[in-house]
């Protein structure tokens, strides 16, 4: 409600998902829908709509294609990224008329590599998909392994020929005064909101 008041966005036009760390993308085909859908990304070309996701170390990625007025937003953690949520989101946008070469993407605040320690099994999942994914991991002298989520997301955007993108370079773990970190807060519930509106 605070968002709708501050930005003068109609509360009824705010759309949220039941986020499940999936690669599922849904299209919002009308300004209002009655039930919350289970997915991790939304696309729309409906004027007046606002698409929202909640994150807390995972990355919010906002997409916009201005010529055909198509927007999208995705909640992207390692699992969704590995299983194709970025590819699926872009394909859904193009399906409703977006020109892939005109899509702009913004990777919002998420956890940085120095704060994202992972286990060996995690690394194996990525390497089994593509041997080159090893470049997104760094091992310390103490045999700790750290994953570079933002760099991996940038690679996936480039793979989908999205050349117009930017990363905010803000780490949720290091900026607890402004953003919520799932890891830093010991897995406690709490998230921050990212959104994009298609002005009518």
Protein backbone atom coordinates (compact mmCIF):
# COMPACT_ATOMS: atom_id res chain seq x y z
CA UNK A 1 0.00 0.00 0.00
CA UNK A 2 2.90 2.36 0.74
CA UNK A 3 4.26 1.80 -2.76
CA UNK A 4 0.96 2.64 -4.39
CA UNK A 5 0.67 5.80 -2.27
CA UNK A 6 4.24 7.03 -2.83
CA UNK A 7 4.40 6.34 -6.56
CA UNK A 8 0.72 7.02 -7.23
CA UNK A 9 0.26 3.51 -8.56
CA UNK A 10 -3.15 1.91 -8.18
CA UNK A 11 -2.93 -0.80 -5.55
CA UNK A 12 -5.20 -3.10 -7.57
CA UNK A 13 -2.75 -2.88 -10.46
CA UNK A 14 0.21 -4.22 -8.43
CA UNK A 15 0.88 -7.84 -9.35
CA UNK A 16 2.80 -10.36 -7.26
CA UNK A 17 3.72 -14.01 -7.66
CA UNK A 18 3.98 -16.99 -5.38
CA UNK A 19 7.74 -17.32 -5.93
CA UNK A 20 9.15 -20.85 -5.88
CA UNK A 21 12.74 -20.54 -7.22
CA UNK A 22 11.53 -21.98 -10.51
CA UNK A 23 12.12 -21.15 -14.17
CA UNK A 24 8.42 -20.58 -14.80
CA UNK A 25 7.28 -17.37 -16.49
CA UNK A 26 3.70 -16.17 -16.79
CA UNK A 27 2.12 -13.55 -19.02
CA UNK A 28 -0.21 -11.01 -17.48
CA UNK A 29 -2.96 -10.74 -20.10
CA UNK A 30 -5.27 -8.37 -18.28
CA UNK A 31 -4.93 -5.54 -15.83
CA UNK A 32 -6.35 -7.56 -12.95
CA UNK A 33 -6.29 -11.23 -12.06
CA UNK A 34 -7.99 -12.81 -9.11
CA UNK A 35 -5.53 -15.41 -7.90
CA UNK A 36 -1.81 -15.35 -7.24
CA UNK A 37 0.12 -17.52 -9.70
CA UNK A 38 3.12 -19.69 -8.84
CA UNK A 39 6.06 -18.57 -10.99
CA UNK A 40 9.21 -16.49 -10.74
CA UNK A 41 8.81 -14.08 -13.64
CA UNK A 42 6.04 -12.07 -15.29
CA UNK A 43 5.73 -10.32 -18.63
CA UNK A 44 3.05 -7.92 -19.84
CA UNK A 45 2.10 -5.37 -22.48
CA UNK A 46 -0.99 -4.16 -20.61
CA UNK A 47 -0.86 -0.38 -19.97
CA UNK A 48 -1.22 0.61 -16.34
CA UNK A 49 0.13 -2.60 -14.86
CA UNK A 50 2.94 -2.91 -12.30
CA UNK A 51 4.94 -6.13 -12.02
CA UNK A 52 6.61 -6.89 -8.69
CA UNK A 53 9.04 -9.43 -7.19
CA UNK A 54 10.51 -9.90 -3.73
CA UNK A 55 14.18 -10.80 -3.25
CA UNK A 56 16.72 -11.22 -0.46
CA UNK A 57 20.14 -12.14 -1.98
CA UNK A 58 18.64 -13.51 -5.20
CA UNK A 59 18.63 -10.99 -8.03
CA UNK A 60 15.65 -9.03 -9.30
CA UNK A 61 16.01 -8.54 -13.05
CA UNK A 62 13.88 -5.91 -14.75
CA UNK A 63 13.31 -6.01 -18.52
CA UNK A 64 11.90 -3.29 -20.78
CA UNK A 65 11.35 -3.04 -24.53
CA UNK A 66 10.30 0.53 -25.24
CA UNK A 67 9.35 0.37 -28.93
CA UNK A 68 6.68 -2.27 -28.43
CA UNK A 69 6.01 -1.33 -24.79
CA UNK A 70 6.61 -4.70 -23.18
CA UNK A 71 7.86 -5.15 -19.63
CA UNK A 72 9.00 -8.09 -17.52
CA UNK A 73 10.45 -8.81 -14.11
CA UNK A 74 12.11 -11.92 -12.70
CA UNK A 75 13.20 -13.26 -9.34
CA UNK A 76 16.48 -15.00 -10.19
CA UNK A 77 18.42 -17.17 -7.79
CA UNK A 78 21.00 -19.78 -8.72
CA UNK A 79 18.38 -22.47 -9.29
CA UNK A 80 16.17 -20.40 -11.57
CA UNK A 81 19.19 -19.11 -13.46
CA UNK A 82 20.62 -22.58 -13.98
CA UNK A 83 17.27 -23.91 -15.17
CA UNK A 84 16.62 -21.16 -17.72
CA UNK A 85 14.43 -18.44 -16.21
CA UNK A 86 16.28 -15.69 -18.08
CA UNK A 87 15.91 -17.49 -21.41
CA UNK A 88 12.25 -18.24 -20.68
CA UNK A 89 11.49 -14.63 -19.75
CA UNK A 90 13.03 -13.25 -22.92
CA UNK A 91 11.27 -15.83 -25.08
CA UNK A 92 7.95 -14.94 -23.48
CA UNK A 93 8.61 -11.26 -24.19
CA UNK A 94 9.40 -11.94 -27.85
CA UNK A 95 6.33 -14.14 -28.13
CA UNK A 96 4.11 -11.13 -27.39
CA UNK A 97 5.97 -8.84 -29.75
CA UNK A 98 9.23 -7.66 -28.17
CA UNK A 99 12.28 -7.16 -30.36
CA UNK A 100 15.09 -9.04 -28.66
CA UNK A 101 17.70 -6.50 -29.78
CA UNK A 102 15.74 -3.67 -28.16
CA UNK A 103 15.33 -5.30 -24.73
CA UNK A 104 17.04 -3.48 -21.86
CA UNK A 105 17.78 -5.40 -18.63
CA UNK A 106 18.73 -4.21 -15.16
CA UNK A 107 20.18 -6.63 -12.61
CA UNK A 108 19.19 -5.30 -9.21
CA UNK A 109 20.89 -5.65 -5.82
CA UNK A 110 21.92 -9.21 -4.98
CA UNK A 111 24.59 -11.06 -3.05
CA UNK A 112 28.18 -10.56 -4.22
CA UNK A 113 30.73 -13.30 -4.76
CA UNK A 114 32.80 -12.56 -1.64
CA UNK A 115 29.72 -13.26 0.50
CA UNK A 116 28.31 -16.23 -1.40
CA UNK A 117 30.05 -19.33 -0.07
CA UNK A 118 28.86 -22.62 -1.59
CA UNK A 119 29.61 -26.33 -1.29
CA UNK A 120 31.28 -28.67 -3.79
CA UNK A 121 27.98 -30.27 -4.80
CA UNK A 122 26.75 -26.82 -5.80
CA UNK A 123 29.73 -26.42 -8.12
CA UNK A 124 29.15 -29.86 -9.64
CA UNK A 125 25.60 -28.87 -10.65
CA UNK A 126 26.96 -25.96 -12.67
CA UNK A 127 29.91 -27.80 -14.19
CA UNK A 128 27.69 -30.70 -15.27
CA UNK A 129 25.67 -28.23 -17.38
CA UNK A 130 28.71 -26.49 -18.87
CA UNK A 131 32.41 -26.97 -18.07
CA UNK A 132 33.01 -23.27 -18.67
CA UNK A 133 30.89 -22.39 -15.65
CA UNK A 134 33.98 -23.02 -13.52
CA UNK A 135 34.96 -19.38 -14.15
CA UNK A 136 32.14 -18.23 -11.87
CA UNK A 137 33.72 -19.90 -8.83
CA UNK A 138 36.68 -18.91 -6.72
CA UNK A 139 38.42 -21.21 -4.24
CA UNK A 140 40.43 -19.79 -1.34
CA UNK A 141 43.52 -21.20 0.37
CA UNK A 142 41.18 -22.45 3.10
CA UNK A 143 39.29 -24.47 0.44
CA UNK A 144 36.21 -22.29 0.70
CA UNK A 145 34.34 -21.82 -2.57
CA UNK A 146 32.51 -18.64 -3.59
CA UNK A 147 30.01 -18.19 -6.44
CA UNK A 148 29.70 -15.07 -8.60
CA UNK A 149 25.95 -14.84 -9.18
CA UNK A 150 25.95 -11.40 -10.91
CA UNK A 151 28.62 -12.46 -13.41
CA UNK A 152 26.71 -15.65 -14.19
CA UNK A 153 23.53 -13.65 -14.83
CA UNK A 154 25.39 -11.28 -17.14
CA UNK A 155 26.70 -14.28 -19.08
CA UNK A 156 23.17 -15.63 -19.49
CA UNK A 157 21.91 -12.28 -20.76
CA UNK A 158 24.71 -12.12 -23.34
CA UNK A 159 23.96 -15.70 -24.36
CA UNK A 160 20.41 -14.55 -25.17
CA UNK A 161 21.89 -11.66 -27.20
CA UNK A 162 20.73 -9.07 -24.66
CA UNK A 163 23.53 -6.53 -25.01
CA UNK A 164 21.83 -3.59 -23.32
CA UNK A 165 22.04 -4.41 -19.62
CA UNK A 166 23.45 -3.01 -16.44
CA UNK A 167 24.18 -4.34 -12.96
CA UNK A 168 23.60 -2.03 -10.01
CA UNK A 169 26.73 -3.46 -8.30
CA UNK A 170 25.00 -3.34 -4.92
CA UNK A 171 25.51 -6.28 -2.57
CA UNK A 172 22.55 -7.10 -0.35
CA UNK A 173 24.82 -8.74 2.24
CA UNK A 174 27.01 -5.62 2.59
CA UNK A 175 24.14 -3.14 2.62
CA UNK A 176 21.83 -4.41 5.35
CA UNK A 177 20.77 -0.85 6.17
CA UNK A 178 19.03 -0.61 2.78
CA UNK A 179 18.44 -4.21 1.66
CA UNK A 180 17.58 -7.50 3.26
CA UNK A 181 20.03 -10.41 3.12
CA UNK A 182 18.72 -13.94 3.67
CA UNK A 183 22.21 -15.19 4.50
CA UNK A 184 23.28 -12.35 6.75
CA UNK A 185 20.05 -12.51 8.73
CA UNK A 186 20.44 -16.24 9.38
CA UNK A 187 17.66 -17.35 7.03
CA UNK A 188 15.05 -15.19 8.74
CA UNK A 189 12.13 -14.13 6.62
CA UNK A 190 12.34 -10.70 5.09
CA UNK A 191 12.60 -9.35 1.55
CA UNK A 192 12.69 -6.14 -0.43
CA UNK A 193 10.52 -5.21 -3.37
CA UNK A 194 11.49 -4.46 -6.97
CA UNK A 195 8.95 -3.40 -9.58
CA UNK A 196 8.39 -2.00 -13.05
CA UNK A 197 5.30 -0.18 -14.31
CA UNK A 198 3.99 0.25 -17.84
CA UNK A 199 2.60 3.76 -17.88
CA UNK A 200 -0.67 4.08 -19.76
